[in-house]
PDB file of N, CA and C in Angstrom:
ATOM      1  N   LEU A   1    -233.759  66.657 256.678  1.00  0.00           N
ATOM      2  CA  LEU A   1    -232.868  67.186 257.684  1.00  0.00           C
ATOM      3  C   LEU A   1    -232.815  68.696 257.565  1.00  0.00           C
ATOM      4  N   THR A   2    -232.683  69.341 258.724  1.00  0.00           N
ATOM      5  CA  THR A   2    -232.502  70.784 258.755  1.00  0.00           C
ATOM      6  C   THR A   2    -231.416  71.113 259.771  1.00  0.00           C
ATOM      7  N   MET A   3    -230.847  72.289 259.642  1.00  0.00           N
ATOM      8  CA  MET A   3    -229.870  72.730 260.625  1.00  0.00           C
ATOM      9  C   MET A   3    -230.548  73.791 261.479  1.00  0.00           C
ATOM     10  N   GLU A   4    -230.806  73.453 262.719  1.00  0.00           N
ATOM     11  CA  GLU A   4    -231.428  74.364 263.667  1.00  0.00           C
ATOM     12  C   GLU A   4    -230.365  74.892 264.611  1.00  0.00           C
ATOM     13  N   LEU A   5    -230.761  75.770 265.500  1.00  0.00           N
ATOM     14  CA  LEU A   5    -229.834  76.348 266.463  1.00  0.00           C
ATOM     15  C   LEU A   5    -229.134  75.269 267.287  1.00  0.00           C
ATOM     16  N   ASP A   6    -229.866  74.221 267.673  1.00  0.00           N
ATOM     17  CA  ASP A   6    -229.297  73.147 268.488  1.00  0.00           C
ATOM     18  C   ASP A   6    -228.454  72.162 267.691  1.00  0.00           C
ATOM     19  N   GLY A   7    -228.620  72.130 266.372  1.00  0.00           N
ATOM     20  CA  GLY A   7    -227.855  71.201 265.551  1.00  0.00           C
ATOM     21  C   GLY A   7    -228.705  70.541 264.487  1.00  0.00           C
ATOM     22  N   LEU A   8    -228.236  69.405 263.999  1.00  0.00           N
ATOM     23  CA  LEU A   8    -228.895  68.669 262.921  1.00  0.00           C
ATOM     24  C   LEU A   8    -230.217  68.101 263.415  1.00  0.00           C
ATOM     25  N   THR A   9    -231.297  68.489 262.756  1.00  0.00           N
ATOM     26  CA  THR A   9    -232.635  68.169 263.235  1.00  0.00           C
ATOM     27  C   THR A   9    -233.446  67.501 262.129  1.00  0.00           C
ATOM     28  N   VAL A  10    -234.280  66.533 262.520  1.00  0.00           N
ATOM     29  CA  VAL A  10    -235.158  65.862 261.573  1.00  0.00           C
ATOM     30  C   VAL A  10    -236.256  66.836 261.165  1.00  0.00           C
ATOM     31  N   GLY A  11    -236.420  67.016 259.854  1.00  0.00           N
ATOM     32  CA  GLY A  11    -237.482  67.872 259.328  1.00  0.00           C
ATOM     33  C   GLY A  11    -238.742  67.044 259.109  1.00  0.00           C
ATOM     34  N   ASN A  12    -239.435  67.307 258.034  1.00  0.00           N
ATOM     35  CA  ASN A  12    -240.643  66.549 257.722  1.00  0.00           C
ATOM     36  C   ASN A  12    -240.292  65.106 257.381  1.00  0.00           C
ATOM     37  N   ILE A  13    -241.160  64.202 257.779  1.00  0.00           N
ATOM     38  CA  ILE A  13    -240.956  62.780 257.506  1.00  0.00           C
ATOM     39  C   ILE A  13    -242.085  62.300 256.609  1.00  0.00           C
ATOM     40  N   ALA A  14    -241.719  61.658 255.524  1.00  0.00           N
ATOM     41  CA  ALA A  14    -242.722  61.152 254.591  1.00  0.00           C
ATOM     42  C   ALA A  14    -243.520  60.019 255.236  1.00  0.00           C
ATOM     43  N   LYS A  15    -244.819  60.080 255.045  1.00  0.00           N
ATOM     44  CA  LYS A  15    -245.708  59.053 255.580  1.00  0.00           C
ATOM     45  C   LYS A  15    -245.343  57.699 254.982  1.00  0.00           C
ATOM     46  N   GLY A  16    -245.179  56.697 255.835  1.00  0.00           N
ATOM     47  CA  GLY A  16    -244.852  55.346 255.384  1.00  0.00           C
ATOM     48  C   GLY A  16    -243.380  55.124 255.073  1.00  0.00           C
ATOM     49  N   SER A  17    -242.561  56.151 255.275  1.00  0.00           N
ATOM     50  CA  SER A  17    -241.129  56.024 254.971  1.00  0.00           C
ATOM     51  C   SER A  17    -240.431  55.164 256.020  1.00  0.00           C
ATOM     52  N   LEU A  18    -239.220  54.739 255.699  1.00  0.00           N
ATOM     53  CA  LEU A  18    -238.413  53.962 256.642  1.00  0.00           C
ATOM     54  C   LEU A  18    -238.159  54.780 257.913  1.00  0.00           C
ATOM     55  N   ALA A  19    -237.925  56.076 257.750  1.00  0.00           N
ATOM     56  CA  ALA A  19    -237.712  56.943 258.918  1.00  0.00           C
ATOM     57  C   ALA A  19    -238.922  56.903 259.849  1.00  0.00           C
ATOM     58  N   GLN A  20    -240.114  56.988 259.298  1.00  0.00           N
ATOM     59  CA  GLN A  20    -241.327  56.947 260.119  1.00  0.00           C
ATOM     60  C   GLN A  20    -241.491  55.572 260.764  1.00  0.00           C
ATOM     61  N   ARG A  21    -241.269  54.513 260.002  1.00  0.00           N
ATOM     62  CA  ARG A  21    -241.402  53.161 260.544  1.00  0.00           C
ATOM     63  C   ARG A  21    -240.360  52.880 261.618  1.00  0.00           C
ATOM     64  N   SER A  22    -239.221  53.582 261.550  1.00  0.00           N
ATOM     65  CA  SER A  22    -238.160  53.404 262.547  1.00  0.00           C
ATOM     66  C   SER A  22    -238.416  54.202 263.816  1.00  0.00           C
ATOM     67  N   GLY A  23    -239.423  55.071 263.783  1.00  0.00           N
ATOM     68  CA  GLY A  23    -239.781  55.819 264.980  1.00  0.00           C
ATOM     69  C   GLY A  23    -239.255  57.241 265.047  1.00  0.00           C
ATOM     70  N   LEU A  24    -238.580  57.708 263.997  1.00  0.00           N
ATOM     71  CA  LEU A  24    -238.112  59.091 264.004  1.00  0.00           C
ATOM     72  C   LEU A  24    -239.304  60.033 263.951  1.00  0.00           C
ATOM     73  N   GLU A  25    -239.144  61.190 264.574  1.00  0.00           N
ATOM     74  CA  GLU A  25    -240.208  62.190 264.583  1.00  0.00           C
ATOM     75  C   GLU A  25    -239.637  63.547 264.205  1.00  0.00           C
ATOM     76  N   LYS A  26    -240.484  64.385 263.615  1.00  0.00           N
ATOM     77  CA  LYS A  26    -240.079  65.742 263.275  1.00  0.00           C
ATOM     78  C   LYS A  26    -239.601  66.435 264.546  1.00  0.00           C
ATOM     79  N   GLY A  27    -238.449  67.086 264.461  1.00  0.00           N
ATOM     80  CA  GLY A  27    -237.900  67.796 265.608  1.00  0.00           C
ATOM     81  C   GLY A  27    -236.851  67.015 266.388  1.00  0.00           C
ATOM     82  N   ASP A  28    -236.691  65.715 266.092  1.00  0.00           N
ATOM     83  CA  ASP A  28    -235.638  64.935 266.763  1.00  0.00           C
ATOM     84  C   ASP A  28    -234.282  65.545 266.436  1.00  0.00           C
ATOM     85  N   LEU A  29    -233.448  65.724 267.447  1.00  0.00           N
ATOM     86  CA  LEU A  29    -232.101  66.262 267.265  1.00  0.00           C
ATOM     87  C   LEU A  29    -231.141  65.090 267.105  1.00  0.00           C
ATOM     88  N   ILE A  30    -230.389  65.051 266.015  1.00  0.00           N
ATOM     89  CA  ILE A  30    -229.481  63.944 265.731  1.00  0.00           C
ATOM     90  C   ILE A  30    -228.095  64.300 266.253  1.00  0.00           C
ATOM     91  N   PHE A  31    -227.627  63.548 267.258  1.00  0.00           N
ATOM     92  CA  PHE A  31    -226.315  63.776 267.853  1.00  0.00           C
ATOM     93  C   PHE A  31    -225.204  63.077 267.093  1.00  0.00           C
ATOM     94  N   SER A  32    -225.486  61.879 266.553  1.00  0.00           N
ATOM     95  CA  SER A  32    -224.462  61.169 265.787  1.00  0.00           C
ATOM     96  C   SER A  32    -225.108  60.249 264.761  1.00  0.00           C
ATOM     97  N   ILE A  33    -224.343  60.007 263.697  1.00  0.00           N
ATOM     98  CA  ILE A  33    -224.735  59.075 262.641  1.00  0.00           C
ATOM     99  C   ILE A  33    -223.613  58.061 262.537  1.00  0.00           C
ATOM    100  N   ASN A  34    -223.914  56.802 262.819  1.00  0.00           N
ATOM    101  CA  ASN A  34    -222.904  55.734 262.790  1.00  0.00           C
ATOM    102  C   ASN A  34    -221.649  56.135 263.568  1.00  0.00           C
ATOM    103  N   ALA A  35    -221.858  56.629 264.782  1.00  0.00           N
ATOM    104  CA  ALA A  35    -220.801  57.007 265.736  1.00  0.00           C
ATOM    105  C   ALA A  35    -220.003  58.243 265.323  1.00  0.00           C
ATOM    106  N   LYS A  36    -220.451  58.958 264.303  1.00  0.00           N
ATOM    107  CA  LYS A  36    -219.785  60.198 263.893  1.00  0.00           C
ATOM    108  C   LYS A  36    -220.617  61.375 264.409  1.00  0.00           C
ATOM    109  N   PRO A  37    -220.036  62.201 265.276  1.00  0.00           N
ATOM    110  CA  PRO A  37    -220.783  63.343 265.827  1.00  0.00           C
ATOM    111  C   PRO A  37    -221.268  64.278 264.716  1.00  0.00           C
ATOM    112  N   THR A  38    -222.470  64.794 264.866  1.00  0.00           N
ATOM    113  CA  THR A  38    -223.037  65.672 263.848  1.00  0.00           C
ATOM    114  C   THR A  38    -222.856  67.150 264.175  1.00  0.00           C
ATOM    115  N   ARG A  39    -222.295  67.448 265.341  1.00  0.00           N
ATOM    116  CA  ARG A  39    -222.069  68.856 265.697  1.00  0.00           C
ATOM    117  C   ARG A  39    -221.161  69.493 264.646  1.00  0.00           C
ATOM    118  N   TYR A  40    -221.602  70.570 264.047  1.00  0.00           N
ATOM    119  CA  TYR A  40    -220.880  71.303 262.992  1.00  0.00           C
ATOM    120  C   TYR A  40    -220.759  70.516 261.684  1.00  0.00           C
ATOM    121  N   MET A  41    -221.476  69.405 261.552  1.00  0.00           N
ATOM    122  CA  MET A  41    -221.430  68.618 260.314  1.00  0.00           C
ATOM    123  C   MET A  41    -222.355  69.263 259.281  1.00  0.00           C
ATOM    124  N   PRO A  42    -221.858  69.515 258.076  1.00  0.00           N
ATOM    125  CA  PRO A  42    -222.738  70.040 257.027  1.00  0.00           C
ATOM    126  C   PRO A  42    -223.846  69.031 256.691  1.00  0.00           C
ATOM    127  N   ILE A  43    -224.999  69.541 256.336  1.00  0.00           N
ATOM    128  CA  ILE A  43    -226.139  68.671 256.013  1.00  0.00           C
ATOM    129  C   ILE A  43    -225.780  67.709 254.887  1.00  0.00           C
ATOM    130  N   GLN A  44    -225.036  68.189 253.876  1.00  0.00           N
ATOM    131  CA  GLN A  44    -224.676  67.334 252.743  1.00  0.00           C
ATOM    132  C   GLN A  44    -223.872  66.119 253.208  1.00  0.00           C
ATOM    133  N   LYS A  45    -222.975  66.300 254.167  1.00  0.00           N
ATOM    134  CA  LYS A  45    -222.191  65.169 254.678  1.00  0.00           C
ATOM    135  C   LYS A  45    -223.094  64.200 255.432  1.00  0.00           C
ATOM    136  N   ALA A  46    -224.032  64.726 256.219  1.00  0.00           N
ATOM    137  CA  ALA A  46    -224.969  63.869 256.946  1.00  0.00           C
ATOM    138  C   ALA A  46    -225.803  63.029 255.979  1.00  0.00           C
ATOM    139  N   VAL A  47    -226.267  63.651 254.918  1.00  0.00           N
ATOM    140  CA  VAL A  47    -227.059  62.929 253.918  1.00  0.00           C
ATOM    141  C   VAL A  47    -226.213  61.832 253.277  1.00  0.00           C
ATOM    142  N   ARG A  48    -224.958  62.129 252.955  1.00  0.00           N
ATOM    143  CA  ARG A  48    -224.069  61.103 252.362  1.00  0.00           C
ATOM    144  C   ARG A  48    -223.874  59.933 253.322  1.00  0.00           C
ATOM    145  N   LEU A  49    -223.673  60.214 254.616  1.00  0.00           N
ATOM    146  CA  LEU A  49    -223.500  59.138 255.601  1.00  0.00           C
ATOM    147  C   LEU A  49    -224.747  58.258 255.671  1.00  0.00           C
ATOM    148  N   ILE A  50    -225.907  58.905 255.664  1.00  0.00           N
ATOM    149  CA  ILE A  50    -227.160  58.144 255.732  1.00  0.00           C
ATOM    150  C   ILE A  50    -227.346  57.309 254.477  1.00  0.00           C
ATOM    151  N   GLU A  51    -227.113  57.901 253.327  1.00  0.00           N
ATOM    152  CA  GLU A  51    -227.283  57.167 252.061  1.00  0.00           C
ATOM    153  C   GLU A  51    -226.285  56.032 251.916  1.00  0.00           C
ATOM    154  N   ALA A  52    -225.094  56.166 252.494  1.00  0.00           N
ATOM    155  CA  ALA A  52    -224.063  55.123 252.400  1.00  0.00           C
ATOM    156  C   ALA A  52    -224.345  53.953 253.338  1.00  0.00           C
ATOM    157  N   SER A  53    -225.274  54.113 254.255  1.00  0.00           N
ATOM    158  CA  SER A  53    -225.605  53.054 255.221  1.00  0.00           C
ATOM    159  C   SER A  53    -226.640  52.134 254.603  1.00  0.00           C
ATOM    160  N   LYS A  54    -226.174  51.080 253.989  1.00  0.00           N
ATOM    161  CA  LYS A  54    -227.079  50.191 253.268  1.00  0.00           C
ATOM    162  C   LYS A  54    -227.808  49.209 254.180  1.00  0.00           C
ATOM    163  N   ASP A  55    -227.083  48.548 255.093  1.00  0.00           N
ATOM    164  CA  ASP A  55    -227.692  47.507 255.913  1.00  0.00           C
ATOM    165  C   ASP A  55    -228.277  48.022 257.225  1.00  0.00           C
ATOM    166  N   SER A  56    -227.590  48.956 257.862  1.00  0.00           N
ATOM    167  CA  SER A  56    -228.095  49.478 259.130  1.00  0.00           C
ATOM    168  C   SER A  56    -227.606  50.900 259.334  1.00  0.00           C
ATOM    169  N   LEU A  57    -228.303  51.595 260.189  1.00  0.00           N
ATOM    170  CA  LEU A  57    -227.989  52.988 260.481  1.00  0.00           C
ATOM    171  C   LEU A  57    -228.119  53.187 261.978  1.00  0.00           C
ATOM    172  N   ASP A  58    -227.073  53.693 262.586  1.00  0.00           N
ATOM    173  CA  ASP A  58    -227.071  53.921 264.026  1.00  0.00           C
ATOM    174  C   ASP A  58    -227.156  55.423 264.281  1.00  0.00           C
ATOM    175  N   LEU A  59    -228.296  55.870 264.792  1.00  0.00           N
ATOM    176  CA  LEU A  59    -228.499  57.274 265.109  1.00  0.00           C
ATOM    177  C   LEU A  59    -228.625  57.440 266.615  1.00  0.00           C
ATOM    178  N   VAL A  60    -228.014  58.474 267.148  1.00  0.00           N
ATOM    179  CA  VAL A  60    -228.243  58.871 268.534  1.00  0.00           C
ATOM    180  C   VAL A  60    -229.028  60.166 268.454  1.00  0.00           C
ATOM    181  N   ILE A  61    -230.228  60.165 269.044  1.00  0.00           N
ATOM    182  CA  ILE A  61    -231.102  61.327 268.960  1.00  0.00           C
ATOM    183  C   ILE A  61    -231.527  61.816 270.336  1.00  0.00           C
ATOM    184  N   ARG A  62    -231.952  63.069 270.373  1.00  0.00           N
ATOM    185  CA  ARG A  62    -232.595  63.619 271.568  1.00  0.00           C
ATOM    186  C   ARG A  62    -233.972  64.102 271.127  1.00  0.00           C
ATOM    187  N   ARG A  63    -234.950  63.751 271.919  1.00  0.00           N
ATOM    188  CA  ARG A  63    -236.319  64.141 271.605  1.00  0.00           C
ATOM    189  C   ARG A  63    -236.863  64.972 272.750  1.00  0.00           C
ATOM    190  N   GLN A  64    -237.497  66.082 272.408  1.00  0.00           N
ATOM    191  CA  GLN A  64    -238.137  66.901 273.427  1.00  0.00           C
ATOM    192  C   GLN A  64    -239.403  66.181 273.896  1.00  0.00           C
ATOM    193  N   VAL A  65    -239.524  66.062 275.198  1.00  0.00           N
ATOM    194  CA  VAL A  65    -240.701  65.443 275.781  1.00  0.00           C
ATOM    195  C   VAL A  65    -241.322  66.452 276.729  1.00  0.00           C
ATOM    196  N   PHE A  66    -242.604  66.686 276.556  1.00  0.00           N
ATOM    197  CA  PHE A  66    -243.316  67.621 277.412  1.00  0.00           C
ATOM    198  C   PHE A  66    -244.276  66.830 278.283  1.00  0.00           C
ATOM    199  N   LEU A  67    -244.127  66.982 279.568  1.00  0.00           N
ATOM    200  CA  LEU A  67    -244.998  66.299 280.518  1.00  0.00           C
ATOM    201  C   LEU A  67    -245.966  67.297 281.113  1.00  0.00           C
ATOM    202  N   THR A  68    -247.198  66.883 281.242  1.00  0.00           N
ATOM    203  CA  THR A  68    -248.191  67.734 281.887  1.00  0.00           C
ATOM    204  C   THR A  68    -248.936  66.900 282.920  1.00  0.00           C
ATOM    205  N   ARG A  69    -249.461  67.585 283.894  1.00  0.00           N
ATOM    206  CA  ARG A  69    -250.238  66.889 284.916  1.00  0.00           C
ATOM    207  C   ARG A  69    -251.619  67.536 284.951  1.00  0.00           C
ATOM    208  N   GLY A  70    -252.624  66.722 284.762  1.00  0.00           N
ATOM    209  CA  GLY A  70    -254.002  67.211 284.812  1.00  0.00           C
ATOM    210  C   GLY A  70    -254.468  67.370 286.250  1.00  0.00           C
ATOM    211  N   ARG A  71    -255.337  68.311 286.470  1.00  0.00           N
ATOM    212  CA  ARG A  71    -255.920  68.518 287.808  1.00  0.00           C
ATOM    213  C   ARG A  71    -257.404  68.536 287.723  1.00  0.00           C
TER     214      ARG A  71
END
């Protein structure tokens, strides 16, 4: 996790990790963790919330999507 201008952002993801298998990608912006907004949340608190989630983890994310049209 990193703190970017837009907020809490997914940093590098380890190959084969649960995060990768779950579909997270580098650059995903995390809006909430288990219904707790991440705006102004310190990274340490976010990590504690994630680590405390033993059975399931509910993340709301925004992903930048770039569309192009070939000619």
